[in-house]
Protein backbone atom coordinates (compact mmCIF):
# COMPACT_ATOMS: atom_id res chain seq x y z
CA MET A 1 -174.72 75.58 34.35
CA VAL A 2 -175.67 73.68 38.21
CA GLY A 3 -178.51 75.30 40.37
CA ASP A 4 -180.97 75.80 42.90
CA ARG A 5 -183.86 78.25 41.64
CA TYR A 6 -185.57 77.26 38.18
CA LEU A 7 -186.70 81.92 38.00
CA THR A 8 -182.55 83.02 38.38
CA ASP A 9 -180.42 79.42 38.64
CA VAL A 10 -182.25 77.09 35.64
CA THR A 11 -183.69 80.53 33.70
CA PHE A 12 -179.84 82.57 32.74
CA GLY A 13 -179.00 78.58 31.45
CA ASN A 14 -181.39 78.73 29.67
CA LEU A 15 -182.03 81.81 28.15
CA HIS A 16 -177.75 81.96 27.32
CA GLY A 17 -177.84 78.50 25.45
CA MET A 18 -175.95 76.18 28.30
CA LEU A 19 -177.20 73.46 29.41
CA THR A 20 -178.79 73.82 32.92
CA VAL A 21 -179.86 71.04 36.33
CA HIS A 22 -181.60 71.83 38.97
CA THR A 23 -180.41 70.52 42.46
CA GLU A 24 -182.42 70.79 45.71
CA GLN A 25 -180.99 73.48 48.36
CA LEU A 26 -178.29 72.61 49.83
CA THR A 27 -179.38 74.73 53.29
CA THR A 28 -182.08 77.64 54.53
CA VAL A 29 -179.62 78.57 56.99
CA GLY A 30 -179.13 81.97 55.53
CA ASP A 31 -181.61 82.61 53.10
CA ASN A 32 -184.04 84.74 53.11
CA ARG A 33 -187.98 84.45 53.31
CA VAL A 34 -188.65 85.91 49.93
CA ALA A 35 -186.01 83.94 48.55
CA GLN A 36 -187.76 80.03 50.22
CA GLN A 37 -191.64 81.34 49.05
CA MET A 38 -189.98 81.85 45.70
CA ARG A 39 -188.50 78.23 45.87
CA ARG A 40 -191.92 76.99 46.66
CA ILE A 41 -194.38 78.65 44.32
CA GLU A 42 -191.42 77.66 41.30
CA ASP A 43 -191.43 74.12 42.79
CA TRP A 44 -195.02 74.14 42.62
CA LEU A 45 -195.44 76.48 39.38
CA VAL A 46 -193.15 73.19 37.79
CA ALA A 47 -194.89 70.25 39.56
CA ARG A 48 -197.71 71.70 37.89
CA TYR A 49 -196.16 71.71 33.99
CA VAL A 50 -194.61 68.26 34.39
CA ARG A 51 -197.84 66.37 35.77
CA LEU A 52 -199.69 68.39 32.05
CA GLY A 53 -196.99 66.74 30.41
CA TYR A 54 -194.92 69.26 29.67
CA VAL A 55 -191.01 67.91 29.40
CA ALA A 56 -188.18 69.57 29.08
CA PRO A 57 -186.59 70.19 25.23
CA PRO A 58 -183.17 68.11 23.82
CA HIS A 59 -180.35 69.81 24.53
CA PRO A 60 -177.20 69.71 22.17
CA LEU A 61 -174.96 69.57 24.49
CA ALA A 62 -177.04 66.36 26.28
CA LEU A 63 -177.62 64.82 23.43
CA ARG A 64 -173.31 64.90 22.44
CA TRP A 65 -172.97 63.41 25.77
CA LEU A 66 -175.70 60.78 25.86
CA ALA A 67 -174.30 59.27 22.29
CA SER A 68 -170.41 58.86 23.52
CA PRO A 69 -168.98 56.17 23.05
CA GLU A 70 -167.74 56.23 26.38
CA VAL A 71 -172.05 56.28 28.10
CA GLU A 72 -172.65 53.21 25.88
CA GLU A 73 -169.36 51.42 27.17
CA LYS A 74 -170.49 51.76 30.98
CA ARG A 75 -173.68 51.26 29.61
CA GLU A 76 -172.36 47.71 29.14
């Protein structure tokens, strides 16, 4: 799941066992004020947890991708 909101896109994906990727917002055109404010709060909370040393748990799909032979060849 790819999304720009932690409490909607990323949380939903994590709850359903998906590999999630947080992205930057593509545009603010048409975005309502509540969504803008929530995005700021979400970003602040995540930054705070990162400063406190919290890290995301590893995901089996990401580990499988990182260990694949194709990735190893690209690294060399």
